[in-house]
């Protein structure tokens, strides 16, 4: 038998203990699948769904405005640039212009794949025709049997 939450959604883990809490948004009593520590707000399932699931930093995933940027030097053109990740040795870094050029070249090479795909498809069709069972015409055998009679 499937267990359901109050809002008729299937419970994620029915073996998990539930804890009493008060929603920080609407103030209603609710049950949550973790022990509230008191240092972070707790939301009922309705308010949680309305606010969206926060990421590990406590902000919405759609809020990327305060993302930390790192200064680097483009491996292709040598210009200074900023990137949204910590540069590490062994991995190439491209400024936005060189990155776009790199991606544009990749999309043009896809046209070459289309030609290869068509050639491969034609070869497979040829192989399938060769592998089709040979139909022996029985008309000659029937005529030979009639002639013997």
Foldseek 3Di string as FASTA:
>chain_A
DFDAAPVRHTDPDVVQDWDWDAAPPPRHIATDRDDDPPPDGDHHPVVPVVLDPPPPVRHRPVPCPPQDWDWDAAPPPRHIAIDRDDDDPPDGDHHPVVVVVVVVVVVVCVVVVVVVVVVVVVVVVVVVVVPPDDDDDCPVVVVVVVVVD
